[in-house]
Structure formats: structure tokens, C-alpha cells
N, C-alpha and C. Protein backbone atom coordinates (compact mmCIF):
# COMPACT_ATOMS: atom_id res chain seq x y z
N MET A 1 114.40 102.75 265.11
CA MET A 1 114.29 102.15 263.79
C MET A 1 112.90 102.44 263.22
N ARG A 2 112.88 102.83 261.93
CA ARG A 2 111.61 103.11 261.27
C ARG A 2 110.93 101.82 260.85
N LYS A 3 109.61 101.87 260.76
CA LYS A 3 108.84 100.71 260.31
C LYS A 3 107.90 101.13 259.19
N LEU A 4 107.64 100.19 258.31
CA LEU A 4 106.74 100.44 257.19
C LEU A 4 105.90 99.20 256.97
N ASP A 5 104.60 99.35 257.12
CA ASP A 5 103.69 98.23 256.90
C ASP A 5 103.28 98.21 255.42
N LEU A 6 103.75 97.21 254.70
CA LEU A 6 103.47 97.12 253.28
C LEU A 6 102.16 96.39 252.96
N SER A 7 101.53 95.81 253.97
CA SER A 7 100.37 94.97 253.72
C SER A 7 99.20 95.71 253.09
N ASP A 8 99.12 97.02 253.29
CA ASP A 8 98.01 97.79 252.72
C ASP A 8 98.50 98.76 251.64
N SER A 9 99.71 98.56 251.15
CA SER A 9 100.24 99.44 250.11
C SER A 9 99.63 99.07 248.76
N LEU A 10 99.59 100.04 247.86
CA LEU A 10 99.05 99.79 246.53
C LEU A 10 99.85 98.69 245.82
N GLY A 11 101.16 98.75 245.94
CA GLY A 11 102.00 97.73 245.30
C GLY A 11 101.67 96.33 245.78
N MET A 12 101.50 96.17 247.09
CA MET A 12 101.18 94.85 247.64
C MET A 12 99.78 94.41 247.20
N LEU A 13 98.85 95.34 247.17
CA LEU A 13 97.49 94.99 246.73
C LEU A 13 97.47 94.59 245.26
N VAL A 14 98.25 95.27 244.43
CA VAL A 14 98.34 94.89 243.02
C VAL A 14 98.96 93.49 242.91
N PHE A 15 100.01 93.25 243.66
CA PHE A 15 100.66 91.93 243.65
C PHE A 15 99.69 90.83 244.08
N LEU A 16 98.98 91.07 245.19
CA LEU A 16 98.04 90.07 245.70
C LEU A 16 96.87 89.85 244.74
N THR A 17 96.42 90.93 244.10
CA THR A 17 95.36 90.81 243.11
C THR A 17 95.83 89.94 241.95
N SER A 18 97.02 90.20 241.47
CA SER A 18 97.59 89.44 240.37
C SER A 18 97.71 87.96 240.72
N LYS A 19 98.25 87.68 241.89
CA LYS A 19 98.42 86.28 242.32
C LYS A 19 97.07 85.59 242.47
N SER A 20 96.10 86.30 243.02
CA SER A 20 94.78 85.73 243.21
C SER A 20 94.12 85.40 241.87
N LEU A 21 94.21 86.31 240.93
CA LEU A 21 93.65 86.08 239.59
C LEU A 21 94.36 84.93 238.89
N GLU A 22 95.68 84.88 239.05
CA GLU A 22 96.44 83.80 238.42
C GLU A 22 96.07 82.43 239.01
N ARG A 23 95.91 82.37 240.33
CA ARG A 23 95.51 81.10 240.98
C ARG A 23 94.14 80.65 240.50
N LEU A 24 93.20 81.59 240.41
CA LEU A 24 91.85 81.26 239.96
C LEU A 24 91.88 80.73 238.53
N ALA A 25 92.55 81.45 237.63
CA ALA A 25 92.63 81.02 236.23
C ALA A 25 93.33 79.67 236.12
N GLU A 26 94.42 79.50 236.86
CA GLU A 26 95.15 78.24 236.82
C GLU A 26 94.27 77.07 237.26
N ALA A 27 93.52 77.26 238.33
CA ALA A 27 92.64 76.19 238.84
C ALA A 27 91.56 75.84 237.82
N GLU A 28 90.96 76.85 237.21
CA GLU A 28 89.90 76.59 236.24
C GLU A 28 90.42 75.94 234.96
N MET A 29 91.57 76.40 234.48
CA MET A 29 92.14 75.81 233.26
C MET A 29 92.54 74.36 233.51
N LYS A 30 93.08 74.10 234.68
CA LYS A 30 93.49 72.72 235.03
C LYS A 30 92.25 71.83 235.13
N LYS A 31 91.23 72.31 235.85
CA LYS A 31 90.02 71.52 236.09
C LYS A 31 89.27 71.25 234.78
N ARG A 32 89.10 72.27 233.97
CA ARG A 32 88.25 72.14 232.78
C ARG A 32 88.98 71.62 231.55
N LEU A 33 90.28 72.00 231.41
CA LEU A 33 90.99 71.66 230.18
C LEU A 33 92.24 70.81 230.39
N GLY A 34 92.64 70.64 231.66
CA GLY A 34 93.85 69.88 231.95
C GLY A 34 95.12 70.62 231.57
N LEU A 35 95.04 71.95 231.49
CA LEU A 35 96.21 72.75 231.10
C LEU A 35 96.84 73.43 232.31
N THR A 36 98.16 73.47 232.31
CA THR A 36 98.88 74.21 233.33
C THR A 36 98.83 75.70 232.98
N SER A 37 99.24 76.51 233.93
CA SER A 37 99.27 77.96 233.70
C SER A 37 100.14 78.31 232.50
N SER A 38 101.32 77.72 232.42
CA SER A 38 102.21 78.01 231.30
C SER A 38 101.62 77.55 229.97
N GLN A 39 100.97 76.39 229.97
CA GLN A 39 100.42 75.87 228.72
C GLN A 39 99.33 76.77 228.16
N TRP A 40 98.40 77.20 228.99
CA TRP A 40 97.33 78.03 228.43
C TRP A 40 97.85 79.42 228.04
N LYS A 41 98.86 79.91 228.76
CA LYS A 41 99.44 81.20 228.38
C LYS A 41 100.19 81.09 227.05
N ILE A 42 100.87 79.98 226.83
CA ILE A 42 101.56 79.74 225.55
C ILE A 42 100.54 79.71 224.41
N ILE A 43 99.46 78.99 224.61
CA ILE A 43 98.42 78.90 223.58
C ILE A 43 97.86 80.28 223.25
N MET A 44 97.59 81.07 224.28
CA MET A 44 97.03 82.40 224.05
C MET A 44 98.05 83.34 223.39
N ALA A 45 99.30 83.23 223.76
CA ALA A 45 100.34 84.05 223.12
C ALA A 45 100.47 83.69 221.65
N LEU A 46 100.46 82.39 221.35
CA LEU A 46 100.55 81.95 219.95
C LEU A 46 99.29 82.28 219.17
N ASN A 47 98.17 82.35 219.86
CA ASN A 47 96.93 82.72 219.20
C ASN A 47 96.99 84.15 218.67
N LEU A 48 97.73 85.00 219.35
CA LEU A 48 97.91 86.39 218.90
C LEU A 48 99.04 86.53 217.89
N SER A 49 100.10 85.74 218.06
CA SER A 49 101.29 85.84 217.20
C SER A 49 101.83 84.44 216.94
N ASP A 50 101.21 83.72 216.05
CA ASP A 50 101.63 82.35 215.77
C ASP A 50 103.01 82.34 215.12
N GLY A 51 103.80 81.32 215.45
CA GLY A 51 105.11 81.17 214.84
C GLY A 51 106.19 81.94 215.56
N LEU A 52 106.13 81.96 216.89
CA LEU A 52 107.13 82.66 217.68
C LEU A 52 108.32 81.76 217.97
N SER A 53 109.48 82.38 218.14
CA SER A 53 110.64 81.63 218.61
C SER A 53 110.46 81.36 220.09
N GLN A 54 111.24 80.45 220.62
CA GLN A 54 111.16 80.14 222.05
C GLN A 54 111.46 81.39 222.88
N LYS A 55 112.44 82.17 222.44
CA LYS A 55 112.80 83.39 223.16
C LYS A 55 111.65 84.39 223.15
N GLU A 56 111.05 84.59 221.98
CA GLU A 56 109.92 85.52 221.86
C GLU A 56 108.75 85.06 222.73
N LEU A 57 108.49 83.77 222.71
CA LEU A 57 107.40 83.21 223.50
C LEU A 57 107.64 83.41 224.99
N ALA A 58 108.86 83.17 225.42
CA ALA A 58 109.21 83.37 226.84
C ALA A 58 108.98 84.82 227.26
N GLU A 59 109.35 85.75 226.40
CA GLU A 59 109.13 87.17 226.69
C GLU A 59 107.65 87.51 226.78
N LYS A 60 106.85 86.91 225.93
CA LYS A 60 105.40 87.18 225.91
C LYS A 60 104.71 86.70 227.18
N ILE A 61 105.18 85.57 227.74
CA ILE A 61 104.50 85.04 228.92
C ILE A 61 105.31 85.24 230.20
N TYR A 62 106.39 86.01 230.11
CA TYR A 62 107.20 86.42 231.27
C TYR A 62 107.81 85.25 232.03
N VAL A 63 108.46 84.35 231.29
CA VAL A 63 109.19 83.25 231.91
C VAL A 63 110.58 83.15 231.29
N ASP A 64 111.46 82.41 231.94
CA ASP A 64 112.79 82.15 231.41
C ASP A 64 112.66 81.15 230.26
N GLY A 65 113.35 81.44 229.16
CA GLY A 65 113.26 80.60 227.97
C GLY A 65 113.59 79.14 228.19
N SER A 66 114.55 78.87 229.06
CA SER A 66 114.95 77.47 229.29
C SER A 66 113.85 76.65 229.95
N THR A 67 112.96 77.30 230.68
CA THR A 67 111.87 76.56 231.33
C THR A 67 110.80 76.12 230.33
N LEU A 68 110.81 76.71 229.15
CA LEU A 68 109.80 76.39 228.15
C LEU A 68 110.03 75.05 227.45
N VAL A 69 111.27 74.61 227.38
CA VAL A 69 111.58 73.40 226.61
C VAL A 69 110.72 72.20 227.02
N PRO A 70 110.67 71.81 228.29
CA PRO A 70 109.84 70.65 228.63
C PRO A 70 108.34 70.91 228.47
N ILE A 71 107.93 72.15 228.64
CA ILE A 71 106.51 72.48 228.47
C ILE A 71 106.12 72.35 227.01
N ILE A 72 106.95 72.89 226.13
CA ILE A 72 106.67 72.79 224.69
C ILE A 72 106.77 71.34 224.23
N ASP A 73 107.73 70.58 224.77
CA ASP A 73 107.84 69.15 224.44
C ASP A 73 106.53 68.44 224.75
N LYS A 74 105.97 68.69 225.94
CA LYS A 74 104.71 68.04 226.36
C LYS A 74 103.56 68.49 225.47
N MET A 75 103.51 69.77 225.19
CA MET A 75 102.43 70.29 224.35
C MET A 75 102.51 69.74 222.92
N GLU A 76 103.73 69.52 222.47
CA GLU A 76 103.91 68.93 221.14
C GLU A 76 103.43 67.48 221.14
N LEU A 77 103.77 66.74 222.19
CA LEU A 77 103.28 65.36 222.32
C LEU A 77 101.76 65.30 222.39
N ASP A 78 101.15 66.31 223.02
CA ASP A 78 99.69 66.36 223.15
C ASP A 78 99.02 66.90 221.88
N GLY A 79 99.82 67.28 220.89
CA GLY A 79 99.27 67.75 219.62
C GLY A 79 98.75 69.18 219.66
N LEU A 80 99.19 69.97 220.63
CA LEU A 80 98.71 71.35 220.75
C LEU A 80 99.58 72.35 220.01
N VAL A 81 100.87 72.06 219.90
CA VAL A 81 101.80 72.93 219.19
C VAL A 81 102.72 72.08 218.33
N GLU A 82 103.37 72.75 217.40
CA GLU A 82 104.39 72.06 216.62
C GLU A 82 105.56 73.00 216.40
N ARG A 83 106.73 72.40 216.36
CA ARG A 83 107.95 73.15 216.08
C ARG A 83 108.23 73.04 214.58
N ARG A 84 108.61 74.19 214.01
CA ARG A 84 109.03 74.21 212.61
C ARG A 84 110.33 74.99 212.53
N GLN A 85 111.19 74.52 211.67
CA GLN A 85 112.48 75.19 211.51
C GLN A 85 112.25 76.61 210.99
N ASP A 86 112.97 77.56 211.58
CA ASP A 86 112.90 78.96 211.15
C ASP A 86 113.52 79.07 209.76
N PRO A 87 112.76 79.54 208.77
CA PRO A 87 113.31 79.62 207.41
C PRO A 87 114.47 80.61 207.28
N ASN A 88 114.55 81.56 208.22
CA ASN A 88 115.62 82.56 208.18
C ASN A 88 116.84 82.16 209.00
N ASP A 89 116.69 81.17 209.87
CA ASP A 89 117.80 80.74 210.72
C ASP A 89 117.58 79.27 211.08
N ARG A 90 118.25 78.40 210.39
CA ARG A 90 118.04 76.95 210.57
C ARG A 90 118.41 76.45 211.95
N ARG A 91 119.11 77.27 212.74
CA ARG A 91 119.46 76.85 214.11
C ARG A 91 118.28 76.99 215.06
N ASN A 92 117.28 77.76 214.67
CA ASN A 92 116.13 78.04 215.54
C ASN A 92 114.87 77.37 215.04
N ASN A 93 113.98 77.12 215.98
CA ASN A 93 112.65 76.64 215.66
C ASN A 93 111.64 77.73 215.98
N ARG A 94 110.53 77.67 215.30
CA ARG A 94 109.40 78.54 215.60
C ARG A 94 108.28 77.63 216.10
N ILE A 95 107.48 78.14 217.01
CA ILE A 95 106.41 77.36 217.62
C ILE A 95 105.08 77.82 217.03
N PHE A 96 104.28 76.85 216.59
CA PHE A 96 102.98 77.13 215.97
C PHE A 96 101.88 76.33 216.66
N LEU A 97 100.68 76.90 216.67
CA LEU A 97 99.52 76.15 217.14
C LEU A 97 99.12 75.13 216.08
N THR A 98 98.53 74.05 216.51
CA THR A 98 98.01 73.04 215.58
C THR A 98 96.51 73.27 215.41
N LYS A 99 95.91 72.53 214.49
CA LYS A 99 94.45 72.61 214.31
C LYS A 99 93.73 72.21 215.59
N LYS A 100 94.29 71.25 216.31
CA LYS A 100 93.68 70.80 217.56
C LYS A 100 93.56 71.94 218.57
N SER A 101 94.46 72.89 218.51
CA SER A 101 94.47 74.01 219.46
C SER A 101 93.30 74.96 219.26
N GLY A 102 92.70 74.95 218.07
CA GLY A 102 91.61 75.89 217.78
C GLY A 102 90.48 75.82 218.78
N SER A 103 90.02 74.61 219.07
CA SER A 103 88.92 74.47 220.03
C SER A 103 89.39 74.79 221.45
N VAL A 104 90.66 74.54 221.72
CA VAL A 104 91.21 74.84 223.05
C VAL A 104 91.25 76.36 223.24
N VAL A 105 91.62 77.10 222.22
CA VAL A 105 91.64 78.56 222.30
C VAL A 105 90.25 79.07 222.64
N ASP A 106 89.24 78.57 221.94
CA ASP A 106 87.87 78.99 222.21
C ASP A 106 87.45 78.69 223.64
N SER A 107 87.85 77.53 224.14
CA SER A 107 87.52 77.17 225.52
C SER A 107 88.22 78.06 226.54
N ILE A 108 89.48 78.37 226.28
CA ILE A 108 90.24 79.26 227.18
C ILE A 108 89.57 80.63 227.24
N ILE A 109 89.20 81.15 226.08
CA ILE A 109 88.54 82.46 226.02
C ILE A 109 87.23 82.43 226.79
N GLU A 110 86.44 81.38 226.63
CA GLU A 110 85.17 81.26 227.35
C GLU A 110 85.40 81.25 228.86
N ILE A 111 86.39 80.50 229.30
CA ILE A 111 86.70 80.44 230.74
C ILE A 111 87.10 81.83 231.25
N ILE A 112 87.97 82.51 230.52
CA ILE A 112 88.41 83.84 230.94
C ILE A 112 87.23 84.80 231.02
N LEU A 113 86.35 84.76 230.02
CA LEU A 113 85.18 85.66 230.04
C LEU A 113 84.25 85.33 231.20
N GLU A 114 84.05 84.05 231.50
CA GLU A 114 83.24 83.65 232.65
C GLU A 114 83.84 84.15 233.95
N LEU A 115 85.16 83.98 234.09
CA LEU A 115 85.84 84.42 235.31
C LEU A 115 85.76 85.93 235.48
N ARG A 116 85.89 86.65 234.38
CA ARG A 116 85.79 88.11 234.45
C ARG A 116 84.43 88.54 234.98
N LYS A 117 83.37 87.88 234.52
CA LYS A 117 82.02 88.22 235.01
C LYS A 117 81.94 88.04 236.53
N ILE A 118 82.56 86.99 237.02
CA ILE A 118 82.53 86.70 238.46
C ILE A 118 83.37 87.70 239.25
N ILE A 119 84.61 87.92 238.81
CA ILE A 119 85.51 88.75 239.61
C ILE A 119 85.26 90.24 239.46
N TYR A 120 84.62 90.65 238.36
CA TYR A 120 84.29 92.06 238.18
C TYR A 120 82.88 92.38 238.66
N ASN A 121 82.24 91.42 239.30
CA ASN A 121 80.90 91.62 239.83
C ASN A 121 80.88 92.85 240.74
N GLU A 122 79.87 93.66 240.58
CA GLU A 122 79.67 94.87 241.38
C GLU A 122 80.67 95.98 241.07
N LEU A 123 81.41 95.86 239.98
CA LEU A 123 82.28 96.94 239.52
C LEU A 123 81.68 97.52 238.25
N SER A 124 81.60 98.83 238.20
CA SER A 124 81.07 99.48 237.00
C SER A 124 82.15 99.51 235.91
N GLN A 125 81.71 99.75 234.70
CA GLN A 125 82.66 99.89 233.59
C GLN A 125 83.60 101.06 233.85
N GLU A 126 83.07 102.13 234.43
CA GLU A 126 83.90 103.30 234.77
C GLU A 126 84.99 102.93 235.78
N GLU A 127 84.64 102.14 236.79
CA GLU A 127 85.62 101.72 237.79
C GLU A 127 86.71 100.86 237.16
N LEU A 128 86.32 99.96 236.28
CA LEU A 128 87.30 99.11 235.61
C LEU A 128 88.22 99.94 234.73
N GLU A 129 87.68 100.87 233.96
CA GLU A 129 88.49 101.71 233.09
C GLU A 129 89.42 102.60 233.90
N SER A 130 88.94 103.12 235.02
CA SER A 130 89.76 103.95 235.89
C SER A 130 90.92 103.15 236.48
N ALA A 131 90.62 101.93 236.90
CA ALA A 131 91.67 101.06 237.46
C ALA A 131 92.73 100.76 236.41
N LYS A 132 92.31 100.44 235.19
CA LYS A 132 93.27 100.15 234.12
C LYS A 132 94.12 101.38 233.79
N LYS A 133 93.49 102.53 233.73
CA LYS A 133 94.21 103.77 233.44
C LYS A 133 95.25 104.06 234.53
N THR A 134 94.86 103.87 235.78
CA THR A 134 95.77 104.08 236.90
C THR A 134 96.95 103.12 236.84
N MET A 135 96.67 101.84 236.60
CA MET A 135 97.75 100.84 236.54
C MET A 135 98.71 101.17 235.40
N LYS A 136 98.20 101.58 234.26
CA LYS A 136 99.05 101.92 233.12
C LYS A 136 99.96 103.10 233.44
N LYS A 137 99.44 104.10 234.17
CA LYS A 137 100.26 105.25 234.57
C LYS A 137 101.38 104.80 235.51
N ILE A 138 101.04 103.93 236.46
CA ILE A 138 102.03 103.45 237.41
C ILE A 138 103.12 102.65 236.69
N ILE A 139 102.71 101.81 235.75
CA ILE A 139 103.67 101.03 234.97
C ILE A 139 104.60 101.95 234.19
N ASP A 140 104.02 102.95 233.52
CA ASP A 140 104.83 103.90 232.75
C ASP A 140 105.82 104.64 233.65
N ASN A 141 105.36 105.10 234.81
CA ASN A 141 106.24 105.82 235.74
C ASN A 141 107.38 104.92 236.23
N ALA A 142 107.03 103.68 236.60
CA ALA A 142 108.06 102.75 237.09
C ALA A 142 109.06 102.41 235.99
N ASP A 143 108.57 102.21 234.76
CA ASP A 143 109.45 101.89 233.64
C ASP A 143 110.39 103.07 233.33
N THR A 144 109.86 104.29 233.42
CA THR A 144 110.68 105.47 233.17
C THR A 144 111.82 105.55 234.18
N VAL A 145 111.50 105.35 235.45
CA VAL A 145 112.54 105.40 236.49
C VAL A 145 113.54 104.26 236.30
N ALA A 146 113.03 103.07 236.03
CA ALA A 146 113.91 101.90 235.85
C ALA A 146 114.84 102.09 234.66
N ASN A 147 114.33 102.63 233.57
CA ASN A 147 115.16 102.84 232.37
C ASN A 147 116.24 103.88 232.61
N LYS A 148 115.94 104.90 233.43
CA LYS A 148 116.95 105.89 233.76
C LYS A 148 118.05 105.30 234.64
N ALA A 149 117.68 104.32 235.46
CA ALA A 149 118.64 103.71 236.38
C ALA A 149 119.58 102.74 235.65
N MET A 150 119.20 102.30 234.48
CA MET A 150 120.01 101.31 233.75
C MET A 150 121.11 101.93 232.97
């Protein structure tokens, strides 16, 4: 029987890097702002494209749309977002940031920038750009293969 150790594979290292970064960001957002991972990601997605449908928002933050309902309910109660009826389709709501979210957005950005300084320590700008370029090529290659398989 053949064996394959995945622990040192590029794919596993990318996965572990992603999980590690997500855990760090989640811990800092919770500690400093009281926000869950989903909440701060929703705020940042709406900061780029305010007035998204629940489906669009779910796609932006890579979660199932049905899991967003209680999160958005809580955020609405906390005054961070508001639902407004879609003017083009009365059956749907669009999610918008509130004025209260403005200072939260600034705080999230500050935390992210602080964390980047820490985690990118001892990496040159060239190394970071090379890593991003490599990851983008891998994503494109994987997407091409996946799209052909569908």
C-alpha cells in the first residue's frame, strides 16, 4: 500500500496558515470589539458593498446563507446593521451598515493592520508579493480544473 504524508504539503500549509490567521483575527476581534468572526466579516463585506442581499453576503464571506439569519438578527439588535426591503423585489431584504458601524469598521481595520505587522514580521515586501502571486496562480489552476470537471 502506498503512503503519502500530507503534513508538509503546500496545500496543508496553506490550510494551516489560513486557520491560524483566522483564529488570531477571531481572538482579537472578540477581545477588543466583542465581535464574532462572522460579524466582523459581515461588517467588512458591507463596508465594500453596502446593501447586499443575504445570499450575496453569504457568498462574500463564504458561509451558507441560512446560517446568517441569527447573526444578522443579533447585529441588527446591536445596531450594527439594518434590513431594508429590496426596492426591486419586495420578497427580499438588503443588509446595510448603520452609522454606529462606522467606528467599528475603523477599529477592525486598525486591528487587521496591527496583526499584519506582527505576522509579516521578518518578511520582505518581495516575499509577500511572491507568495500572493503564487497563491493566485494555484487558485487559478485549481479553478480551471474544477470548472472543467463540472
